[in-house]
Amino acid sequence: MKLGRNFILLLVLISLPLFFVTGEAQEKKEKAGGEKRIAGEKGFGFSASRAPIDIVSDTVEANQKENTVTFKGNVVAKQEDTTLYANTLVIRYEAETKKLKDITAIGNVKIVQLDRRATGQKATFQQEENKVVLDGDAVVREGENEIRGERVIFYVNEERSIVEGGKGSRVNTRITPPPREE
C-alpha cells in the first residue's frame, strides 16, 4: 500500500536520523559498504553529509566532571534544511573518547525539515542504540498528514517506529490522500 509506505517514510524522515548521526555511525556504514574513509575525516559530525551544525542559545555551559555541554535559552540548532528549536539542549559524551552518548532537547521542542514538522516536550537522540524518542504530546506532521501520541520512538537501524498513547489517551492519525489525477 503506497500511502502507508509514504507515512512510514514520513516518520523516518521527521524523526531526525539525519540530524543527529555521529561520525562513528557514518564510519560503520561506510566500512560495511566497502568505501574508504578520508584520513582525518572522523570527528564530531552530526550528519552523514558532514555539514556543519550551527547552534545559537542564550548561554552555553560545559561540565567536564559530568561530560556534558548544555545550551540554554531559545536554542536553535540548524544543519542544512533541518532546524531544531528547544528551551534547552544537553549533549552528553564519553569521558575518555569524547564520543557522543546522547543529545536531549527539553522544553517546547520543535523540529522542522522542509514541510515536515515534529513537536513535543522532550526529544532524546540515543547514539549507542541509534534511537530517537520524542516525548510529551508528540506530534509528527508532513503536509496535511499527522500522527499524535504521548511518545514516538524511532529505531533508526531498523527503520521502524512506534507511537504510544498516554494514560487514558490513544494515538490519533490523520492521513490525507493525494489529489486525484484526472
N, C-alpha and C. Protein backbone atom coordinates (compact mmCIF):
# COMPACT_ATOMS: atom_id res chain seq x y z
N MET A 1 0.85 -1.18 0.00
CA MET A 1 0.00 0.00 0.00
C MET A 1 0.88 1.23 0.00
N LYS A 2 0.82 2.03 -1.04
CA LYS A 2 1.72 3.17 -1.22
C LYS A 2 1.50 4.23 -0.15
N LEU A 3 0.28 4.55 0.21
CA LEU A 3 0.02 5.58 1.20
C LEU A 3 0.62 5.20 2.55
N GLY A 4 0.50 3.95 2.96
CA GLY A 4 1.08 3.50 4.23
C GLY A 4 2.59 3.59 4.21
N ARG A 5 3.18 3.23 3.10
CA ARG A 5 4.64 3.30 2.96
C ARG A 5 5.12 4.74 3.03
N ASN A 6 4.38 5.66 2.39
CA ASN A 6 4.73 7.08 2.44
C ASN A 6 4.66 7.61 3.86
N PHE A 7 3.67 7.16 4.63
CA PHE A 7 3.54 7.64 6.00
C PHE A 7 4.68 7.12 6.87
N ILE A 8 5.12 5.87 6.63
CA ILE A 8 6.28 5.34 7.35
C ILE A 8 7.50 6.16 6.99
N LEU A 9 7.62 6.51 5.72
CA LEU A 9 8.74 7.36 5.30
C LEU A 9 8.69 8.70 6.01
N LEU A 10 7.49 9.24 6.21
CA LEU A 10 7.33 10.48 6.96
C LEU A 10 7.93 10.35 8.35
N LEU A 11 7.61 9.26 9.05
CA LEU A 11 8.15 9.06 10.38
C LEU A 11 9.66 8.91 10.36
N VAL A 12 10.16 8.24 9.35
CA VAL A 12 11.61 8.07 9.22
C VAL A 12 12.27 9.42 9.05
N LEU A 13 11.76 10.21 8.14
CA LEU A 13 12.39 11.49 7.83
C LEU A 13 12.25 12.50 8.96
N ILE A 14 11.11 12.53 9.60
CA ILE A 14 10.88 13.56 10.61
C ILE A 14 11.54 13.23 11.94
N SER A 15 11.86 11.98 12.15
CA SER A 15 12.42 11.57 13.44
C SER A 15 13.90 11.86 13.58
N LEU A 16 14.45 12.56 12.61
CA LEU A 16 15.80 13.10 12.69
C LEU A 16 16.97 12.14 12.64
N PRO A 17 16.87 11.05 11.98
CA PRO A 17 18.07 10.22 11.92
C PRO A 17 19.22 10.95 11.22
N LEU A 18 18.90 11.83 10.30
CA LEU A 18 19.96 12.55 9.60
C LEU A 18 20.51 13.70 10.43
N PHE A 19 19.70 14.23 11.34
CA PHE A 19 20.12 15.40 12.11
C PHE A 19 21.15 15.06 13.17
N PHE A 20 21.02 13.89 13.78
CA PHE A 20 21.94 13.53 14.85
C PHE A 20 22.53 12.15 14.65
N VAL A 21 23.28 11.97 13.60
CA VAL A 21 24.02 10.73 13.36
C VAL A 21 25.49 11.08 13.53
N THR A 22 26.19 10.38 14.38
CA THR A 22 27.59 10.71 14.63
C THR A 22 28.47 10.26 13.49
N GLY A 23 29.67 10.80 13.47
CA GLY A 23 30.67 10.37 12.52
C GLY A 23 30.97 8.89 12.68
N GLU A 24 30.88 8.39 13.90
CA GLU A 24 31.14 6.97 14.16
C GLU A 24 30.10 6.10 13.46
N ALA A 25 28.84 6.49 13.52
CA ALA A 25 27.80 5.73 12.85
C ALA A 25 28.01 5.76 11.34
N GLN A 26 28.40 6.91 10.80
CA GLN A 26 28.67 7.00 9.38
C GLN A 26 29.87 6.13 9.00
N GLU A 27 30.89 6.10 9.86
CA GLU A 27 32.06 5.28 9.59
C GLU A 27 31.67 3.81 9.49
N LYS A 28 30.79 3.34 10.39
CA LYS A 28 30.33 1.95 10.35
C LYS A 28 29.62 1.66 9.04
N LYS A 29 28.78 2.59 8.57
CA LYS A 29 28.06 2.41 7.32
C LYS A 29 29.04 2.33 6.16
N GLU A 30 30.02 3.21 6.14
CA GLU A 30 30.97 3.24 5.04
C GLU A 30 31.84 1.99 5.03
N LYS A 31 32.26 1.52 6.21
CA LYS A 31 33.06 0.30 6.26
C LYS A 31 32.24 -0.89 5.78
N ALA A 32 30.97 -0.93 6.17
CA ALA A 32 30.11 -2.03 5.74
C ALA A 32 29.91 -2.00 4.23
N GLY A 33 29.89 -0.80 3.66
CA GLY A 33 29.70 -0.67 2.23
C GLY A 33 30.98 -0.78 1.44
N GLY A 34 32.11 -0.95 2.10
CA GLY A 34 33.37 -1.12 1.43
C GLY A 34 34.02 0.17 0.97
N GLU A 35 33.46 1.32 1.34
CA GLU A 35 34.04 2.59 0.92
C GLU A 35 35.20 2.95 1.83
N LYS A 36 36.18 3.64 1.28
CA LYS A 36 37.32 4.08 2.08
C LYS A 36 37.03 5.44 2.67
N ARG A 37 37.53 5.66 3.88
CA ARG A 37 37.37 6.93 4.54
C ARG A 37 38.57 7.81 4.25
N ILE A 38 38.34 9.10 4.26
CA ILE A 38 39.41 10.06 4.08
C ILE A 38 40.12 10.21 5.42
N ALA A 39 41.46 10.20 5.39
CA ALA A 39 42.23 10.33 6.63
C ALA A 39 41.86 11.63 7.33
N GLY A 40 41.69 11.54 8.65
CA GLY A 40 41.37 12.71 9.45
C GLY A 40 39.91 13.13 9.37
N GLU A 41 39.08 12.40 8.64
CA GLU A 41 37.68 12.76 8.47
C GLU A 41 36.85 12.47 9.72
N LYS A 42 37.25 11.49 10.52
CA LYS A 42 36.47 11.12 11.70
C LYS A 42 36.43 12.27 12.68
N GLY A 43 35.25 12.57 13.17
CA GLY A 43 35.13 13.67 14.11
C GLY A 43 33.74 13.71 14.68
N PHE A 44 33.43 14.81 15.28
CA PHE A 44 32.14 15.01 15.91
C PHE A 44 31.19 15.58 14.89
N GLY A 45 30.75 14.74 13.94
CA GLY A 45 29.83 15.18 12.91
C GLY A 45 28.44 14.68 13.23
N PHE A 46 27.41 15.51 12.98
CA PHE A 46 26.06 15.10 13.27
C PHE A 46 25.41 14.37 12.11
N SER A 47 25.76 14.71 10.88
CA SER A 47 25.08 14.06 9.76
C SER A 47 26.06 13.37 8.85
N ALA A 48 25.51 12.50 8.05
CA ALA A 48 26.33 11.77 7.10
C ALA A 48 26.98 12.71 6.10
N SER A 49 26.38 13.85 5.86
CA SER A 49 26.91 14.79 4.88
C SER A 49 28.07 15.61 5.45
N ARG A 50 28.30 15.52 6.72
CA ARG A 50 29.36 16.28 7.39
C ARG A 50 29.12 17.79 7.35
N ALA A 51 27.90 18.20 7.07
CA ALA A 51 27.58 19.62 7.05
C ALA A 51 27.68 20.15 8.47
N PRO A 52 28.13 21.39 8.63
CA PRO A 52 28.25 21.96 9.97
C PRO A 52 26.89 22.16 10.62
N ILE A 53 26.88 22.12 11.94
CA ILE A 53 25.68 22.41 12.71
C ILE A 53 25.93 23.73 13.43
N ASP A 54 25.04 24.67 13.26
CA ASP A 54 25.14 25.95 13.94
C ASP A 54 24.15 25.94 15.09
N ILE A 55 24.63 26.21 16.30
CA ILE A 55 23.77 26.23 17.49
C ILE A 55 23.85 27.62 18.10
N VAL A 56 22.69 28.21 18.32
CA VAL A 56 22.59 29.53 18.93
C VAL A 56 21.76 29.36 20.20
N SER A 57 22.22 29.97 21.31
CA SER A 57 21.48 29.91 22.57
C SER A 57 21.84 31.13 23.41
N ASP A 58 21.10 31.32 24.50
CA ASP A 58 21.41 32.44 25.39
C ASP A 58 22.68 32.17 26.18
N THR A 59 22.88 30.91 26.62
CA THR A 59 24.10 30.54 27.36
C THR A 59 24.55 29.15 26.96
N VAL A 60 25.84 28.88 27.18
CA VAL A 60 26.41 27.55 26.98
C VAL A 60 27.24 27.23 28.21
N GLU A 61 27.05 26.01 28.74
CA GLU A 61 27.82 25.58 29.92
C GLU A 61 28.43 24.22 29.63
N ALA A 62 29.75 24.12 29.78
CA ALA A 62 30.44 22.84 29.63
C ALA A 62 30.81 22.34 31.01
N ASN A 63 30.50 21.08 31.30
CA ASN A 63 30.80 20.49 32.60
C ASN A 63 31.63 19.23 32.36
N GLN A 64 32.94 19.34 32.56
CA GLN A 64 33.83 18.22 32.29
C GLN A 64 33.66 17.09 33.29
N LYS A 65 33.25 17.37 34.52
CA LYS A 65 33.02 16.32 35.50
C LYS A 65 31.83 15.44 35.10
N GLU A 66 30.81 16.05 34.53
CA GLU A 66 29.62 15.31 34.10
C GLU A 66 29.66 14.96 32.62
N ASN A 67 30.70 15.40 31.90
CA ASN A 67 30.84 15.14 30.47
C ASN A 67 29.63 15.63 29.68
N THR A 68 29.23 16.87 29.92
CA THR A 68 28.09 17.45 29.23
C THR A 68 28.41 18.85 28.71
N VAL A 69 27.68 19.21 27.68
CA VAL A 69 27.64 20.59 27.21
C VAL A 69 26.16 20.94 27.14
N THR A 70 25.76 22.04 27.80
CA THR A 70 24.36 22.42 27.90
C THR A 70 24.15 23.79 27.27
N PHE A 71 23.24 23.84 26.32
CA PHE A 71 22.84 25.10 25.68
C PHE A 71 21.49 25.47 26.28
N LYS A 72 21.35 26.69 26.81
CA LYS A 72 20.10 27.09 27.47
C LYS A 72 19.56 28.37 26.87
N GLY A 73 18.23 28.44 26.80
CA GLY A 73 17.54 29.64 26.40
C GLY A 73 17.44 29.83 24.90
N ASN A 74 16.25 29.69 24.37
CA ASN A 74 15.99 29.93 22.95
C ASN A 74 16.98 29.22 22.04
N VAL A 75 17.17 27.95 22.26
CA VAL A 75 18.15 27.18 21.50
C VAL A 75 17.63 26.92 20.08
N VAL A 76 18.50 27.19 19.12
CA VAL A 76 18.22 26.89 17.71
C VAL A 76 19.44 26.18 17.16
N ALA A 77 19.25 24.93 16.72
CA ALA A 77 20.33 24.15 16.11
C ALA A 77 19.94 23.90 14.66
N LYS A 78 20.82 24.29 13.74
CA LYS A 78 20.49 24.20 12.31
C LYS A 78 21.58 23.46 11.56
N GLN A 79 21.15 22.51 10.73
CA GLN A 79 22.05 21.80 9.83
C GLN A 79 21.32 21.62 8.51
N GLU A 80 21.90 22.18 7.46
CA GLU A 80 21.31 22.13 6.13
C GLU A 80 19.84 22.53 6.19
N ASP A 81 18.90 21.68 5.79
CA ASP A 81 17.48 22.06 5.75
C ASP A 81 16.71 21.62 7.00
N THR A 82 17.42 21.26 8.06
CA THR A 82 16.77 20.81 9.30
C THR A 82 17.10 21.78 10.42
N THR A 83 16.07 22.18 11.17
CA THR A 83 16.26 23.10 12.30
C THR A 83 15.55 22.53 13.52
N LEU A 84 16.25 22.56 14.66
CA LEU A 84 15.69 22.11 15.94
C LEU A 84 15.59 23.33 16.85
N TYR A 85 14.44 23.50 17.49
CA TYR A 85 14.21 24.56 18.47
C TYR A 85 13.91 23.91 19.81
N ALA A 86 14.43 24.47 20.89
CA ALA A 86 14.14 23.95 22.24
C ALA A 86 14.52 24.99 23.27
N ASN A 87 14.04 24.80 24.49
CA ASN A 87 14.46 25.66 25.60
C ASN A 87 15.88 25.32 26.03
N THR A 88 16.19 24.01 26.04
CA THR A 88 17.50 23.52 26.49
C THR A 88 17.94 22.37 25.60
N LEU A 89 19.25 22.29 25.34
CA LEU A 89 19.83 21.19 24.58
C LEU A 89 21.05 20.70 25.35
N VAL A 90 21.03 19.42 25.74
CA VAL A 90 22.13 18.84 26.52
C VAL A 90 22.81 17.76 25.70
N ILE A 91 24.12 17.88 25.54
CA ILE A 91 24.92 16.89 24.83
C ILE A 91 25.77 16.16 25.86
N ARG A 92 25.65 14.82 25.92
CA ARG A 92 26.49 14.00 26.81
C ARG A 92 27.46 13.21 25.96
N TYR A 93 28.70 13.10 26.44
CA TYR A 93 29.73 12.39 25.70
C TYR A 93 30.55 11.51 26.62
N GLU A 94 31.26 10.53 26.01
CA GLU A 94 32.14 9.63 26.76
C GLU A 94 33.34 10.43 27.27
N ALA A 95 33.74 10.19 28.51
CA ALA A 95 34.83 10.95 29.12
C ALA A 95 36.16 10.75 28.40
N GLU A 96 36.50 9.51 28.10
CA GLU A 96 37.82 9.24 27.53
C GLU A 96 37.86 9.47 26.02
N THR A 97 36.87 9.01 25.31
CA THR A 97 36.91 9.08 23.85
C THR A 97 36.28 10.35 23.29
N LYS A 98 35.49 11.04 24.10
CA LYS A 98 34.74 12.23 23.68
C LYS A 98 33.68 11.92 22.63
N LYS A 99 33.34 10.64 22.46
CA LYS A 99 32.29 10.26 21.52
C LYS A 99 30.93 10.62 22.11
N LEU A 100 30.04 10.98 21.24
CA LEU A 100 28.69 11.37 21.62
C LEU A 100 27.93 10.19 22.22
N LYS A 101 27.30 10.39 23.40
CA LYS A 101 26.44 9.37 24.01
C LYS A 101 24.99 9.64 23.65
N ASP A 102 24.53 10.85 23.94
CA ASP A 102 23.17 11.21 23.60
C ASP A 102 23.01 12.72 23.59
N ILE A 103 21.92 13.14 22.97
CA ILE A 103 21.55 14.54 22.91
C ILE A 103 20.10 14.61 23.36
N THR A 104 19.81 15.54 24.27
CA THR A 104 18.46 15.70 24.77
C THR A 104 18.02 17.14 24.58
N ALA A 105 16.93 17.33 23.88
CA ALA A 105 16.31 18.64 23.71
C ALA A 105 15.11 18.67 24.66
N ILE A 106 15.02 19.72 25.47
CA ILE A 106 13.99 19.78 26.51
C ILE A 106 13.21 21.10 26.39
N GLY A 107 11.89 21.00 26.49
CA GLY A 107 11.03 22.17 26.55
C GLY A 107 10.70 22.76 25.19
N ASN A 108 9.43 22.70 24.82
CA ASN A 108 8.95 23.29 23.57
C ASN A 108 9.80 22.87 22.37
N VAL A 109 10.02 21.58 22.26
CA VAL A 109 10.85 21.05 21.19
C VAL A 109 10.07 21.11 19.87
N LYS A 110 10.74 21.63 18.85
CA LYS A 110 10.16 21.66 17.51
C LYS A 110 11.29 21.35 16.53
N ILE A 111 11.02 20.43 15.63
CA ILE A 111 11.98 20.05 14.60
C ILE A 111 11.30 20.31 13.26
N VAL A 112 11.99 21.05 12.39
CA VAL A 112 11.43 21.41 11.09
C VAL A 112 12.40 20.98 10.00
N GLN A 113 11.88 20.25 9.01
CA GLN A 113 12.66 19.87 7.83
C GLN A 113 11.73 19.99 6.63
N LEU A 114 11.95 21.03 5.83
CA LEU A 114 11.09 21.32 4.69
C LEU A 114 9.63 21.38 5.15
N ASP A 115 8.74 20.53 4.61
CA ASP A 115 7.34 20.58 5.05
C ASP A 115 7.04 19.57 6.15
N ARG A 116 8.08 19.01 6.75
CA ARG A 116 7.92 18.05 7.85
C ARG A 116 8.18 18.76 9.17
N ARG A 117 7.33 18.45 10.18
CA ARG A 117 7.47 19.08 11.49
C ARG A 117 7.19 18.05 12.58
N ALA A 118 7.94 18.15 13.66
CA ALA A 118 7.68 17.32 14.84
C ALA A 118 7.76 18.22 16.05
N THR A 119 6.83 18.03 16.98
CA THR A 119 6.84 18.81 18.21
C THR A 119 6.63 17.89 19.40
N GLY A 120 7.08 18.33 20.55
CA GLY A 120 6.93 17.60 21.79
C GLY A 120 7.60 18.38 22.90
N GLN A 121 7.63 17.80 24.08
CA GLN A 121 8.27 18.47 25.21
C GLN A 121 9.71 18.01 25.42
N LYS A 122 10.07 16.86 24.84
CA LYS A 122 11.42 16.34 25.01
C LYS A 122 11.76 15.43 23.83
N ALA A 123 12.98 15.58 23.32
CA ALA A 123 13.47 14.69 22.27
C ALA A 123 14.84 14.19 22.69
N THR A 124 15.04 12.88 22.62
CA THR A 124 16.32 12.28 23.00
C THR A 124 16.85 11.48 21.82
N PHE A 125 18.11 11.75 21.48
CA PHE A 125 18.79 11.06 20.39
C PHE A 125 19.85 10.18 21.03
N GLN A 126 19.61 8.87 21.09
CA GLN A 126 20.50 7.92 21.77
C GLN A 126 21.42 7.27 20.75
N GLN A 127 22.69 7.66 20.77
CA GLN A 127 23.63 7.23 19.77
C GLN A 127 23.95 5.74 19.82
N GLU A 128 24.19 5.19 21.00
CA GLU A 128 24.56 3.78 21.14
C GLU A 128 23.49 2.87 20.52
N GLU A 129 22.23 3.17 20.80
CA GLU A 129 21.12 2.37 20.29
C GLU A 129 20.62 2.87 18.93
N ASN A 130 21.12 4.03 18.50
CA ASN A 130 20.69 4.67 17.26
C ASN A 130 19.16 4.78 17.27
N LYS A 131 18.67 5.42 18.33
CA LYS A 131 17.23 5.53 18.57
C LYS A 131 16.88 6.99 18.88
N VAL A 132 15.73 7.43 18.40
CA VAL A 132 15.22 8.78 18.67
C VAL A 132 13.89 8.63 19.39
N VAL A 133 13.71 9.37 20.51
CA VAL A 133 12.47 9.32 21.28
C VAL A 133 11.94 10.74 21.43
N LEU A 134 10.70 10.96 21.00
CA LEU A 134 10.03 12.24 21.15
C LEU A 134 8.92 12.04 22.18
N ASP A 135 8.98 12.77 23.30
CA ASP A 135 8.05 12.59 24.42
C ASP A 135 7.21 13.84 24.67
N GLY A 136 6.06 13.63 25.30
CA GLY A 136 5.24 14.74 25.78
C GLY A 136 4.41 15.37 24.69
N ASP A 137 3.21 14.85 24.50
CA ASP A 137 2.31 15.34 23.46
C ASP A 137 3.04 15.43 22.12
N ALA A 138 3.60 14.32 21.71
CA ALA A 138 4.38 14.24 20.47
C ALA A 138 3.46 14.32 19.25
N VAL A 139 3.83 15.17 18.32
CA VAL A 139 3.07 15.33 17.09
C VAL A 139 4.06 15.33 15.93
N VAL A 140 3.76 14.51 14.92
CA VAL A 140 4.60 14.45 13.72
C VAL A 140 3.69 14.78 12.54
N ARG A 141 4.14 15.76 11.71
CA ARG A 141 3.33 16.21 10.57
C ARG A 141 4.17 16.25 9.30
N GLU A 142 3.52 15.93 8.20
CA GLU A 142 4.09 16.17 6.88
C GLU A 142 2.94 16.63 6.01
N GLY A 143 3.02 17.87 5.53
CA GLY A 143 1.89 18.43 4.80
C GLY A 143 0.66 18.38 5.67
N GLU A 144 -0.40 17.75 5.19
CA GLU A 144 -1.64 17.63 5.97
C GLU A 144 -1.72 16.35 6.78
N ASN A 145 -0.76 15.44 6.62
CA ASN A 145 -0.73 14.18 7.37
C ASN A 145 -0.21 14.46 8.78
N GLU A 146 -0.78 13.74 9.75
CA GLU A 146 -0.41 13.99 11.14
C GLU A 146 -0.60 12.73 11.97
N ILE A 147 0.32 12.54 12.93
CA ILE A 147 0.15 11.47 13.91
C ILE A 147 0.47 12.06 15.28
N ARG A 148 -0.38 11.74 16.29
CA ARG A 148 -0.24 12.28 17.65
C ARG A 148 -0.22 11.15 18.65
N GLY A 149 0.62 11.29 19.65
CA GLY A 149 0.68 10.34 20.74
C GLY A 149 1.47 10.96 21.88
N GLU A 150 1.59 10.24 22.95
CA GLU A 150 2.39 10.73 24.06
C GLU A 150 3.87 10.57 23.76
N ARG A 151 4.20 9.51 22.98
CA ARG A 151 5.61 9.23 22.69
C ARG A 151 5.73 8.63 21.29
N VAL A 152 6.78 9.07 20.58
CA VAL A 152 7.15 8.49 19.29
C VAL A 152 8.57 7.98 19.44
N ILE A 153 8.77 6.70 19.13
CA ILE A 153 10.10 6.09 19.20
C ILE A 153 10.47 5.63 17.80
N PHE A 154 11.65 6.04 17.35
CA PHE A 154 12.12 5.63 16.04
C PHE A 154 13.44 4.89 16.19
N TYR A 155 13.47 3.64 15.71
CA TYR A 155 14.68 2.82 15.71
C TYR A 155 15.33 2.98 14.34
N VAL A 156 16.37 3.80 14.28
CA VAL A 156 16.98 4.20 13.01
C VAL A 156 17.48 3.00 12.23
N ASN A 157 18.26 2.11 12.86
CA ASN A 157 18.83 0.96 12.15
C ASN A 157 17.78 0.04 11.57
N GLU A 158 16.68 -0.09 12.29
CA GLU A 158 15.60 -1.00 11.87
C GLU A 158 14.59 -0.33 10.95
N GLU A 159 14.71 0.99 10.78
CA GLU A 159 13.73 1.75 10.01
C GLU A 159 12.32 1.43 10.48
N ARG A 160 12.15 1.48 11.80
CA ARG A 160 10.89 1.10 12.44
C ARG A 160 10.54 2.15 13.47
N SER A 161 9.26 2.46 13.60
CA SER A 161 8.84 3.43 14.61
C SER A 161 7.60 2.93 15.35
N ILE A 162 7.44 3.43 16.56
CA ILE A 162 6.30 3.08 17.42
C ILE A 162 5.75 4.39 17.96
N VAL A 163 4.44 4.54 17.91
CA VAL A 163 3.78 5.69 18.50
C VAL A 163 2.90 5.17 19.63
N GLU A 164 3.08 5.74 20.83
CA GLU A 164 2.33 5.29 22.01
C GLU A 164 1.41 6.40 22.50
N GLY A 165 0.22 6.00 22.93
CA GLY A 165 -0.69 6.94 23.57
C GLY A 165 -0.33 7.06 25.04
N GLY A 166 -0.77 8.10 25.68
CA GLY A 166 -0.51 8.27 27.11
C GLY A 166 -1.59 7.60 27.93
N LYS A 167 -1.52 7.79 29.24
CA LYS A 167 -2.54 7.24 30.13
C LYS A 167 -3.89 7.82 29.78
N GLY A 168 -4.80 6.94 29.43
CA GLY A 168 -6.16 7.38 29.11
C GLY A 168 -6.29 8.03 27.74
N SER A 169 -5.24 8.01 26.95
CA SER A 169 -5.36 8.59 25.61
C SER A 169 -4.87 7.59 24.57
N ARG A 170 -5.25 7.81 23.35
CA ARG A 170 -4.89 6.91 22.27
C ARG A 170 -4.10 7.66 21.22
N VAL A 171 -3.54 6.91 20.30
CA VAL A 171 -2.81 7.51 19.19
C VAL A 171 -3.82 7.98 18.15
N ASN A 172 -3.64 9.19 17.65
CA ASN A 172 -4.51 9.75 16.63
C ASN A 172 -3.72 9.96 15.35
N THR A 173 -4.28 9.50 14.24
CA THR A 173 -3.60 9.60 12.95
C THR A 173 -4.55 10.21 11.93
N ARG A 174 -4.03 11.15 11.14
CA ARG A 174 -4.79 11.71 10.03
C ARG A 174 -3.93 11.57 8.78
N ILE A 175 -4.46 10.83 7.79
CA ILE A 175 -3.78 10.64 6.53
C ILE A 175 -4.65 11.25 5.44
N THR A 176 -4.09 12.21 4.74
CA THR A 176 -4.82 12.88 3.67
C THR A 176 -4.33 12.34 2.34
N PRO A 177 -5.19 11.65 1.60
CA PRO A 177 -4.77 11.11 0.31
C PRO A 177 -4.40 12.25 -0.65
N PRO A 178 -3.46 11.97 -1.55
CA PRO A 178 -3.10 13.00 -2.54
C PRO A 178 -4.28 13.25 -3.48
N PRO A 179 -4.32 14.43 -4.09
CA PRO A 179 -5.42 14.69 -5.02
C PRO A 179 -5.38 13.73 -6.20
N ARG A 180 -6.55 13.41 -6.72
CA ARG A 180 -6.65 12.50 -7.86
C ARG A 180 -6.15 13.20 -9.12
N GLU A 181 -5.44 12.42 -9.91
CA GLU A 181 -5.02 12.94 -11.21
C GLU A 181 -6.12 12.67 -12.21
N GLU A 182 -6.47 13.65 -12.99
CA GLU A 182 -7.56 13.48 -13.95
C GLU A 182 -7.05 13.38 -15.33
